Amino acid sequence: MSSPQNYRSVMITGASSGLGEEFARQLAPCCDQMTLIARREGRLLDLVNDLKEVNPHLDVLPCAVDLTDRDARTTFVKLVNEHSIFPDLLINNAGMGDFGEFSKADWPKLEQMLELNVNALTHLTHALLPAMCESGAGDIINVSSLASIIPIPDFAVYAASKAYVTSLSEALRMELKDHDINVMALCPGPVHTEFGKTAMRGEDKNKIPGSELFYVRKSQVVSEALAGLISSKARVYPGWKIGLVALGLSVIPIFGLRLILGTRPRRER
């Protein structure tokens, strides 16, 4: 796998664990400055200490921000503008999911998911893009999901929110081509992270049989994403199995998907 390219400044949301933490660790040796955003300050500071120990040259700015809070986001954006913290690589990784029937879901959690997966990503990208366009170069990775290409019962709002992320990424990629800004949607399948445990609420009995065969290590997801940037890919489906699944799903008509997904394992009542 190709080594990541060098960046002046990298900004990562959802950086305290999972893919965000892995992005920080893999990019730390090849950037000068890193802004790490997460809700859990303790976990964030532990990561900063680890990164500085291995990469003493690195200037790391930890920002404990709850991106689901609109006022907190606005304050953070104001801080970014005041201190000219403009990245040439933005990784919108923060996200959350929820498993269960839509009619029985907890509305505050669904609202929080939409705020994080859709509004926070859009808000931060919109705030940072003018400076990126002015500099005339940069990269954006929007962490989407394999779920973004199909409607998924019991993950209805999550899949819909990720469909938005993938669609937005494709549109921005076309808009920003003349500014030499590459926008890529990262569409992983299942990955062993805290995200999956939280979304499923530990309900392993509801997993699709055989799904374990499609899990990809987070280190591989991140390394393939960074390699995708180098080759200017619009989308990356990490792992050859997930790539094949994505290809297969893309040719199945919607009525076929309804039949297939209608036979999913149901949540026990």
C-alpha atoms as a PDB file:
ATOM      1  CA  MET A   1       0.000   0.000   0.000  1.00  0.00           C
ATOM      2  CA  SER A   2       1.234   3.504  -0.872  1.00  0.00           C
ATOM      3  CA  SER A   3       2.396   5.780   1.941  1.00  0.00           C
ATOM      4  CA  PRO A   4       0.094   8.747   2.713  1.00  0.00           C
ATOM      5  CA  GLN A   5       1.013  12.013   1.022  1.00  0.00           C
ATOM      6  CA  ASN A   6       2.265  14.932   3.087  1.00  0.00           C
ATOM      7  CA  TYR A   7      -0.121  17.579   4.422  1.00  0.00           C
ATOM      8  CA  ARG A   8       0.422  20.907   6.113  1.00  0.00           C
ATOM      9  CA  SER A   9      -2.666  20.677   8.314  1.00  0.00           C
ATOM     10  CA  VAL A  10      -5.130  17.846   8.931  1.00  0.00           C
ATOM     11  CA  MET A  11      -8.497  18.117  10.692  1.00  0.00           C
ATOM     12  CA  ILE A  12     -10.326  14.975  11.871  1.00  0.00           C
ATOM     13  CA  THR A  13     -13.741  14.752  13.513  1.00  0.00           C
ATOM     14  CA  GLY A  14     -14.671  11.837  15.748  1.00  0.00           C
ATOM     15  CA  ALA A  15     -10.971  11.436  16.470  1.00  0.00           C
ATOM     16  CA  SER A  16     -11.031   9.860  19.931  1.00  0.00           C
ATOM     17  CA  SER A  17     -11.672   6.279  18.780  1.00  0.00           C
ATOM     18  CA  GLY A  18     -12.354   3.984  15.836  1.00  0.00           C
ATOM     19  CA  LEU A  19     -11.550   5.159  12.326  1.00  0.00           C
ATOM     20  CA  GLY A  20     -10.881   8.732  13.469  1.00  0.00           C
ATOM     21  CA  GLU A  21      -8.172   7.587  15.866  1.00  0.00           C
ATOM     22  CA  GLU A  22      -6.689   5.341  13.179  1.00  0.00           C
ATOM     23  CA  PHE A  23      -6.626   8.217  10.667  1.00  0.00           C
ATOM     24  CA  ALA A  24      -4.748  10.324  13.240  1.00  0.00           C
ATOM     25  CA  ARG A  25      -2.152   7.613  13.889  1.00  0.00           C
ATOM     26  CA  GLN A  26      -1.499   6.907  10.207  1.00  0.00           C
ATOM     27  CA  LEU A  27      -1.336  10.576   9.195  1.00  0.00           C
ATOM     28  CA  ALA A  28       0.698  11.881  12.144  1.00  0.00           C
ATOM     29  CA  PRO A  29       4.107  11.125  10.562  1.00  0.00           C
ATOM     30  CA  CYS A  30       3.279  13.010   7.374  1.00  0.00           C
ATOM     31  CA  CYS A  31       1.686  16.272   8.482  1.00  0.00           C
ATOM     32  CA  ASP A  32       2.848  19.341  10.393  1.00  0.00           C
ATOM     33  CA  GLN A  33      -0.322  20.238  12.250  1.00  0.00           C
ATOM     34  CA  MET A  34      -3.334  18.194  13.334  1.00  0.00           C
ATOM     35  CA  THR A  35      -6.658  19.358  14.753  1.00  0.00           C
ATOM     36  CA  LEU A  36      -8.524  16.549  16.481  1.00  0.00           C
ATOM     37  CA  ILE A  37     -12.211  16.975  17.314  1.00  0.00           C
ATOM     38  CA  ALA A  38     -14.189  14.686  19.596  1.00  0.00           C
ATOM     39  CA  ARG A  39     -16.711  14.826  22.412  1.00  0.00           C
ATOM     40  CA  ARG A  40     -14.680  12.852  24.985  1.00  0.00           C
ATOM     41  CA  GLU A  41     -11.859  15.098  26.151  1.00  0.00           C
ATOM     42  CA  GLY A  42     -10.039  12.448  28.223  1.00  0.00           C
ATOM     43  CA  ARG A  43      -9.773  10.017  25.327  1.00  0.00           C
ATOM     44  CA  LEU A  44      -8.716  12.851  23.057  1.00  0.00           C
ATOM     45  CA  LEU A  45      -5.891  13.966  25.354  1.00  0.00           C
ATOM     46  CA  ASP A  46      -4.641  10.377  25.691  1.00  0.00           C
ATOM     47  CA  LEU A  47      -4.424  10.175  21.898  1.00  0.00           C
ATOM     48  CA  VAL A  48      -2.598  13.515  21.690  1.00  0.00           C
ATOM     49  CA  ASN A  49       0.015  12.266  24.171  1.00  0.00           C
ATOM     50  CA  ASP A  50       0.506   9.070  22.159  1.00  0.00           C
ATOM     51  CA  LEU A  51       0.895  10.987  18.910  1.00  0.00           C
ATOM     52  CA  LYS A  52       3.363  13.493  20.361  1.00  0.00           C
ATOM     53  CA  GLU A  53       5.473  10.740  21.892  1.00  0.00           C
ATOM     54  CA  VAL A  54       5.961   9.044  18.530  1.00  0.00           C
ATOM     55  CA  ASN A  55       5.947  12.247  16.428  1.00  0.00           C
ATOM     56  CA  PRO A  56       7.608  15.043  18.450  1.00  0.00           C
ATOM     57  CA  HIS A  57       7.520  17.379  15.433  1.00  0.00           C
ATOM     58  CA  LEU A  58       3.711  17.318  15.332  1.00  0.00           C
ATOM     59  CA  ASP A  59       1.662  20.307  16.473  1.00  0.00           C
ATOM     60  CA  VAL A  60      -1.604  18.827  17.790  1.00  0.00           C
ATOM     61  CA  LEU A  61      -4.655  20.855  18.764  1.00  0.00           C
ATOM     62  CA  PRO A  62      -7.283  18.822  20.680  1.00  0.00           C
ATOM     63  CA  CYS A  63     -10.794  20.259  20.560  1.00  0.00           C
ATOM     64  CA  ALA A  64     -13.443  18.746  22.841  1.00  0.00           C
ATOM     65  CA  VAL A  65     -16.606  19.649  20.928  1.00  0.00           C
ATOM     66  CA  ASP A  66     -20.021  17.988  20.866  1.00  0.00           C
ATOM     67  CA  LEU A  67     -20.783  18.328  17.160  1.00  0.00           C
ATOM     68  CA  THR A  68     -24.469  17.532  17.732  1.00  0.00           C
ATOM     69  CA  ASP A  69     -24.738  20.835  19.614  1.00  0.00           C
ATOM     70  CA  ARG A  70     -25.325  23.610  17.087  1.00  0.00           C
ATOM     71  CA  ASP A  71     -24.122  26.357  19.429  1.00  0.00           C
ATOM     72  CA  ALA A  72     -20.930  24.418  20.197  1.00  0.00           C
ATOM     73  CA  ARG A  73     -20.331  23.932  16.469  1.00  0.00           C
ATOM     74  CA  THR A  74     -20.824  27.630  15.783  1.00  0.00           C
ATOM     75  CA  THR A  75     -18.368  28.513  18.545  1.00  0.00           C
ATOM     76  CA  PHE A  76     -15.825  26.067  17.129  1.00  0.00           C
ATOM     77  CA  VAL A  77     -16.186  27.460  13.602  1.00  0.00           C
ATOM     78  CA  LYS A  78     -15.653  30.966  14.993  1.00  0.00           C
ATOM     79  CA  LEU A  79     -12.493  29.758  16.773  1.00  0.00           C
ATOM     80  CA  VAL A  80     -11.209  28.195  13.550  1.00  0.00           C
ATOM     81  CA  ASN A  81     -11.712  31.443  11.641  1.00  0.00           C
ATOM     82  CA  GLU A  82     -10.179  33.629  14.362  1.00  0.00           C
ATOM     83  CA  HIS A  83      -7.016  31.502  14.536  1.00  0.00           C
ATOM     84  CA  SER A  84      -6.876  30.650  10.797  1.00  0.00           C
ATOM     85  CA  ILE A  85      -6.885  26.904  11.450  1.00  0.00           C
ATOM     86  CA  PHE A  86      -7.577  25.910   7.872  1.00  0.00           C
ATOM     87  CA  PRO A  87      -6.738  22.315   6.893  1.00  0.00           C
ATOM     88  CA  ASP A  88      -5.610  21.043   3.541  1.00  0.00           C
ATOM     89  CA  LEU A  89      -7.080  17.656   4.523  1.00  0.00           C
ATOM     90  CA  LEU A  90     -10.493  17.519   6.187  1.00  0.00           C
ATOM     91  CA  ILE A  91     -11.756  14.131   7.387  1.00  0.00           C
ATOM     92  CA  ASN A  92     -15.421  14.182   8.344  1.00  0.00           C
ATOM     93  CA  ASN A  93     -15.448  10.951  10.320  1.00  0.00           C
ATOM     94  CA  ALA A  94     -17.807  11.639  13.249  1.00  0.00           C
ATOM     95  CA  GLY A  95     -21.013   9.664  12.986  1.00  0.00           C
ATOM     96  CA  MET A  96     -23.445   7.462  14.840  1.00  0.00           C
ATOM     97  CA  GLY A  97     -26.017   4.784  14.080  1.00  0.00           C
ATOM     98  CA  ASP A  98     -28.991   3.052  15.642  1.00  0.00           C
ATOM     99  CA  PHE A  99     -30.496  -0.379  15.125  1.00  0.00           C
ATOM    100  CA  GLY A 100     -34.224  -1.046  15.349  1.00  0.00           C
ATOM    101  CA  GLU A 101     -37.570  -0.435  13.730  1.00  0.00           C
ATOM    102  CA  PHE A 102     -38.180   3.214  12.868  1.00  0.00           C
ATOM    103  CA  SER A 103     -41.621   3.352  14.531  1.00  0.00           C
ATOM    104  CA  LYS A 104     -40.163   2.139  17.839  1.00  0.00           C
ATOM    105  CA  ALA A 105     -36.999   4.236  17.791  1.00  0.00           C
ATOM    106  CA  ASP A 106     -36.205   6.891  20.365  1.00  0.00           C
ATOM    107  CA  TRP A 107     -36.754  10.227  18.600  1.00  0.00           C
ATOM    108  CA  PRO A 108     -34.076  12.203  20.498  1.00  0.00           C
ATOM    109  CA  LYS A 109     -31.490   9.627  19.371  1.00  0.00           C
ATOM    110  CA  LEU A 110     -32.665   9.774  15.749  1.00  0.00           C
ATOM    111  CA  GLU A 111     -32.537  13.570  15.866  1.00  0.00           C
ATOM    112  CA  GLN A 112     -29.021  13.434  17.334  1.00  0.00           C
ATOM    113  CA  MET A 113     -27.948  11.039  14.574  1.00  0.00           C
ATOM    114  CA  LEU A 114     -29.226  13.352  11.847  1.00  0.00           C
ATOM    115  CA  GLU A 115     -27.576  16.331  13.524  1.00  0.00           C
ATOM    116  CA  LEU A 116     -24.195  14.551  13.589  1.00  0.00           C
ATOM    117  CA  ASN A 117     -24.264  12.544  10.350  1.00  0.00           C
ATOM    118  CA  VAL A 118     -25.819  15.244   8.169  1.00  0.00           C
ATOM    119  CA  ASN A 119     -25.837  18.742   9.686  1.00  0.00           C
ATOM    120  CA  ALA A 120     -22.464  18.718  11.461  1.00  0.00           C
ATOM    121  CA  LEU A 121     -20.652  17.317   8.419  1.00  0.00           C
ATOM    122  CA  THR A 122     -22.317  19.853   6.120  1.00  0.00           C
ATOM    123  CA  HIS A 123     -21.768  22.771   8.500  1.00  0.00           C
ATOM    124  CA  LEU A 124     -18.067  22.098   9.028  1.00  0.00           C
ATOM    125  CA  THR A 125     -17.399  21.488   5.331  1.00  0.00           C
ATOM    126  CA  HIS A 126     -19.235  24.676   4.369  1.00  0.00           C
ATOM    127  CA  ALA A 127     -17.255  26.672   6.930  1.00  0.00           C
ATOM    128  CA  LEU A 128     -13.845  25.412   5.813  1.00  0.00           C
ATOM    129  CA  LEU A 129     -14.261  25.252   2.043  1.00  0.00           C
ATOM    130  CA  PRO A 130     -13.800  28.983   1.245  1.00  0.00           C
ATOM    131  CA  ALA A 131     -10.263  28.937   2.671  1.00  0.00           C
ATOM    132  CA  MET A 132      -9.497  25.659   0.897  1.00  0.00           C
ATOM    133  CA  CYS A 133     -10.736  27.122  -2.400  1.00  0.00           C
ATOM    134  CA  GLU A 134      -8.652  30.248  -1.867  1.00  0.00           C
ATOM    135  CA  SER A 135      -5.525  28.149  -1.305  1.00  0.00           C
ATOM    136  CA  GLY A 136      -6.294  26.247  -4.500  1.00  0.00           C
ATOM    137  CA  ALA A 137      -5.702  22.746  -3.205  1.00  0.00           C
ATOM    138  CA  GLY A 138      -6.837  20.252  -0.606  1.00  0.00           C
ATOM    139  CA  ASP A 139      -8.570  16.963   0.042  1.00  0.00           C
ATOM    140  CA  ILE A 140     -11.783  15.995   1.824  1.00  0.00           C
ATOM    141  CA  ILE A 141     -12.700  12.533   3.038  1.00  0.00           C
ATOM    142  CA  ASN A 142     -16.328  12.085   4.033  1.00  0.00           C
ATOM    143  CA  VAL A 143     -16.775   8.833   5.920  1.00  0.00           C
ATOM    144  CA  SER A 144     -19.958   7.327   4.559  1.00  0.00           C
ATOM    145  CA  SER A 145     -20.897   3.642   4.478  1.00  0.00           C
ATOM    146  CA  LEU A 146     -21.706   0.712   2.233  1.00  0.00           C
ATOM    147  CA  ALA A 147     -25.206   1.300   3.632  1.00  0.00           C
ATOM    148  CA  SER A 148     -25.362   4.536   1.635  1.00  0.00           C
ATOM    149  CA  ILE A 149     -26.121   2.702  -1.608  1.00  0.00           C
ATOM    150  CA  ILE A 150     -29.169   0.755  -0.358  1.00  0.00           C
ATOM    151  CA  PRO A 151     -32.184   1.329   1.909  1.00  0.00           C
ATOM    152  CA  ILE A 152     -31.788  -0.890   4.976  1.00  0.00           C
ATOM    153  CA  PRO A 153     -34.757  -1.811   7.179  1.00  0.00           C
ATOM    154  CA  ASP A 154     -33.958  -1.453  10.898  1.00  0.00           C
ATOM    155  CA  PHE A 155     -31.131   0.931   9.911  1.00  0.00           C
ATOM    156  CA  ALA A 156     -33.463   3.214   7.950  1.00  0.00           C
ATOM    157  CA  VAL A 157     -32.345   6.622   9.217  1.00  0.00           C
ATOM    158  CA  TYR A 158     -28.660   5.689   9.388  1.00  0.00           C
ATOM    159  CA  ALA A 159     -28.623   4.402   5.790  1.00  0.00           C
ATOM    160  CA  ALA A 160     -30.536   7.456   4.598  1.00  0.00           C
ATOM    161  CA  SER A 161     -28.118   9.807   6.357  1.00  0.00           C
ATOM    162  CA  LYS A 162     -25.162   8.065   4.730  1.00  0.00           C
ATOM    163  CA  ALA A 163     -26.872   8.228   1.326  1.00  0.00           C
ATOM    164  CA  TYR A 164     -26.852  11.998   1.849  1.00  0.00           C
ATOM    165  CA  VAL A 165     -23.126  11.933   2.676  1.00  0.00           C
ATOM    166  CA  THR A 166     -22.246   9.965  -0.457  1.00  0.00           C
ATOM    167  CA  SER A 167     -24.452  12.121  -2.689  1.00  0.00           C
ATOM    168  CA  LEU A 168     -23.050  15.346  -1.238  1.00  0.00           C
ATOM    169  CA  SER A 169     -19.503  14.063  -1.731  1.00  0.00           C
ATOM    170  CA  GLU A 170     -20.148  13.293  -5.398  1.00  0.00           C
ATOM    171  CA  ALA A 171     -21.702  16.710  -6.024  1.00  0.00           C
ATOM    172  CA  LEU A 172     -18.934  18.625  -4.230  1.00  0.00           C
ATOM    173  CA  ARG A 173     -16.314  16.632  -6.098  1.00  0.00           C
ATOM    174  CA  MET A 174     -17.731  17.965  -9.362  1.00  0.00           C
ATOM    175  CA  GLU A 175     -18.143  21.514  -8.038  1.00  0.00           C
ATOM    176  CA  LEU A 176     -14.606  21.701  -6.663  1.00  0.00           C
ATOM    177  CA  LYS A 177     -12.744  20.085  -9.540  1.00  0.00           C
ATOM    178  CA  ASP A 178     -11.535  23.453 -10.862  1.00  0.00           C
ATOM    179  CA  HIS A 179     -10.154  24.303  -7.418  1.00  0.00           C
ATOM    180  CA  ASP A 180      -8.048  21.108  -7.343  1.00  0.00           C
ATOM    181  CA  ILE A 181      -9.916  19.919  -4.249  1.00  0.00           C
ATOM    182  CA  ASN A 182     -10.482  16.185  -4.251  1.00  0.00           C
ATOM    183  CA  VAL A 183     -13.598  14.983  -2.407  1.00  0.00           C
ATOM    184  CA  MET A 184     -13.855  11.287  -1.662  1.00  0.00           C
ATOM    185  CA  ALA A 185     -16.580   9.210  -0.027  1.00  0.00           C
ATOM    186  CA  LEU A 186     -15.217   6.375   2.115  1.00  0.00           C
ATOM    187  CA  CYS A 187     -17.827   3.604   2.155  1.00  0.00           C
ATOM    188  CA  PRO A 188     -16.748   0.805   4.491  1.00  0.00           C
ATOM    189  CA  GLY A 189     -18.776  -2.250   5.350  1.00  0.00           C
ATOM    190  CA  PRO A 190     -18.680  -3.657   8.879  1.00  0.00           C
ATOM    191  CA  VAL A 191     -15.656  -2.639  10.973  1.00  0.00           C
ATOM    192  CA  HIS A 192     -14.923  -3.626  14.567  1.00  0.00           C
ATOM    193  CA  THR A 193     -15.183  -0.243  16.333  1.00  0.00           C
ATOM    194  CA  GLU A 194     -17.163   1.290  19.191  1.00  0.00           C
ATOM    195  CA  PHE A 195     -19.539   2.668  16.540  1.00  0.00           C
ATOM    196  CA  GLY A 196     -20.823  -0.803  15.685  1.00  0.00           C
ATOM    197  CA  LYS A 197     -21.235  -1.834  19.308  1.00  0.00           C
ATOM    198  CA  THR A 198     -23.181   1.331  20.115  1.00  0.00           C
ATOM    199  CA  ALA A 199     -25.416   1.138  17.043  1.00  0.00           C
ATOM    200  CA  MET A 200     -26.297  -2.527  17.627  1.00  0.00           C
ATOM    201  CA  ARG A 201     -26.536  -2.029  21.407  1.00  0.00           C
ATOM    202  CA  GLY A 202     -24.735  -5.340  21.847  1.00  0.00           C
ATOM    203  CA  GLU A 203     -27.520  -7.294  20.122  1.00  0.00           C
ATOM    204  CA  ASP A 204     -25.364  -9.859  18.343  1.00  0.00           C
ATOM    205  CA  LYS A 205     -28.309 -12.214  17.979  1.00  0.00           C
ATOM    206  CA  ASN A 206     -29.725  -9.864  15.316  1.00  0.00           C
ATOM    207  CA  LYS A 207     -26.651  -9.961  13.108  1.00  0.00           C
ATOM    208  CA  ILE A 208     -26.983 -11.206   9.562  1.00  0.00           C
ATOM    209  CA  PRO A 209     -25.590 -14.762   9.382  1.00  0.00           C
ATOM    210  CA  GLY A 210     -22.101 -14.787   7.863  1.00  0.00           C
ATOM    211  CA  SER A 211     -21.601 -11.038   8.249  1.00  0.00           C
ATOM    212  CA  GLU A 212     -18.404 -11.646  10.215  1.00  0.00           C
ATOM    213  CA  LEU A 213     -16.771 -12.744   6.944  1.00  0.00           C
ATOM    214  CA  PHE A 214     -17.074  -9.194   5.618  1.00  0.00           C
ATOM    215  CA  TYR A 215     -15.432  -7.342   8.519  1.00  0.00           C
ATOM    216  CA  VAL A 216     -12.378  -5.271   7.574  1.00  0.00           C
ATOM    217  CA  ARG A 217      -9.738  -4.110  10.054  1.00  0.00           C
ATOM    218  CA  LYS A 218      -9.831  -0.386  10.746  1.00  0.00           C
ATOM    219  CA  SER A 219      -6.148  -0.108   9.818  1.00  0.00           C
ATOM    220  CA  GLN A 220      -6.955  -1.489   6.366  1.00  0.00           C
ATOM    221  CA  VAL A 221      -9.966   0.816   5.954  1.00  0.00           C
ATOM    222  CA  VAL A 222      -7.807   3.866   6.656  1.00  0.00           C
ATOM    223  CA  SER A 223      -4.820   2.781   4.566  1.00  0.00           C
ATOM    224  CA  GLU A 224      -7.058   2.073   1.562  1.00  0.00           C
ATOM    225  CA  ALA A 225      -8.766   5.447   2.041  1.00  0.00           C
ATOM    226  CA  LEU A 226      -5.453   7.311   2.029  1.00  0.00           C
ATOM    227  CA  ALA A 227      -4.298   5.328  -1.003  1.00  0.00           C
ATOM    228  CA  GLY A 228      -7.577   6.300  -2.681  1.00  0.00           C
ATOM    229  CA  LEU A 229      -6.726   9.963  -2.174  1.00  0.00           C
ATOM    230  CA  ILE A 230      -3.393   9.510  -3.909  1.00  0.00           C
ATOM    231  CA  SER A 231      -5.130   7.936  -6.922  1.00  0.00           C
ATOM    232  CA  SER A 232      -7.933  10.548  -6.784  1.00  0.00           C
ATOM    233  CA  LYS A 233     -10.774   8.062  -6.333  1.00  0.00           C
ATOM    234  CA  ALA A 234     -14.329   9.319  -5.892  1.00  0.00           C
ATOM    235  CA  ARG A 235     -15.335   6.408  -3.669  1.00  0.00           C
ATOM    236  CA  VAL A 236     -13.469   3.743  -1.753  1.00  0.00           C
ATOM    237  CA  TYR A 237     -15.037   0.465  -0.619  1.00  0.00           C
ATOM    238  CA  PRO A 238     -12.322  -1.013   1.629  1.00  0.00           C
ATOM    239  CA  GLY A 239     -11.674  -4.724   1.275  1.00  0.00           C
ATOM    240  CA  TRP A 240     -12.152  -6.720  -1.910  1.00  0.00           C
ATOM    241  CA  LYS A 241     -15.207  -8.510  -0.517  1.00  0.00           C
ATOM    242  CA  ILE A 242     -16.966  -5.234   0.228  1.00  0.00           C
ATOM    243  CA  GLY A 243     -16.003  -4.012  -3.235  1.00  0.00           C
ATOM    244  CA  LEU A 244     -17.700  -7.048  -4.764  1.00  0.00           C
ATOM    245  CA  VAL A 245     -20.785  -6.566  -2.576  1.00  0.00           C
ATOM    246  CA  ALA A 246     -21.013  -2.913  -3.647  1.00  0.00           C
ATOM    247  CA  LEU A 247     -20.730  -3.910  -7.307  1.00  0.00           C
ATOM    248  CA  GLY A 248     -23.401  -6.568  -6.900  1.00  0.00           C
ATOM    249  CA  LEU A 249     -25.790  -4.240  -5.088  1.00  0.00           C
ATOM    250  CA  SER A 250     -25.376  -1.579  -7.765  1.00  0.00           C
ATOM    251  CA  VAL A 251     -26.856  -3.862 -10.457  1.00  0.00           C
ATOM    252  CA  ILE A 252     -29.791  -5.250  -8.439  1.00  0.00           C
ATOM    253  CA  PRO A 253     -33.045  -3.397  -9.230  1.00  0.00           C
ATOM    254  CA  ILE A 254     -34.972  -1.901  -6.334  1.00  0.00           C
ATOM    255  CA  PHE A 255     -37.693  -4.565  -6.416  1.00  0.00           C
ATOM    256  CA  GLY A 256     -34.976  -7.187  -6.036  1.00  0.00           C
ATOM    257  CA  LEU A 257     -33.525  -5.346  -3.050  1.00  0.00           C
ATOM    258  CA  ARG A 258     -36.988  -5.235  -1.476  1.00  0.00           C
ATOM    259  CA  LEU A 259     -37.270  -9.008  -1.756  1.00  0.00           C
ATOM    260  CA  ILE A 260     -33.752  -9.642  -0.409  1.00  0.00           C
ATOM    261  CA  LEU A 261     -33.865  -7.165   2.464  1.00  0.00           C
ATOM    262  CA  GLY A 262     -37.403  -8.185   3.370  1.00  0.00           C
ATOM    263  CA  THR A 263     -36.046 -11.559   4.533  1.00  0.00           C
ATOM    264  CA  ARG A 264     -33.633 -10.007   7.018  1.00  0.00           C
ATOM    265  CA  PRO A 265     -33.395 -11.407  10.562  1.00  0.00           C
ATOM    266  CA  ARG A 266     -35.920  -9.582  12.713  1.00  0.00           C
ATOM    267  CA  ARG A 267     -35.253  -8.039  16.066  1.00  0.00           C
ATOM    268  CA  GLU A 268     -36.680 -10.149  18.881  1.00  0.00           C
ATOM    269  CA  ARG A 269     -39.576  -8.494  20.734  1.00  0.00           C
END
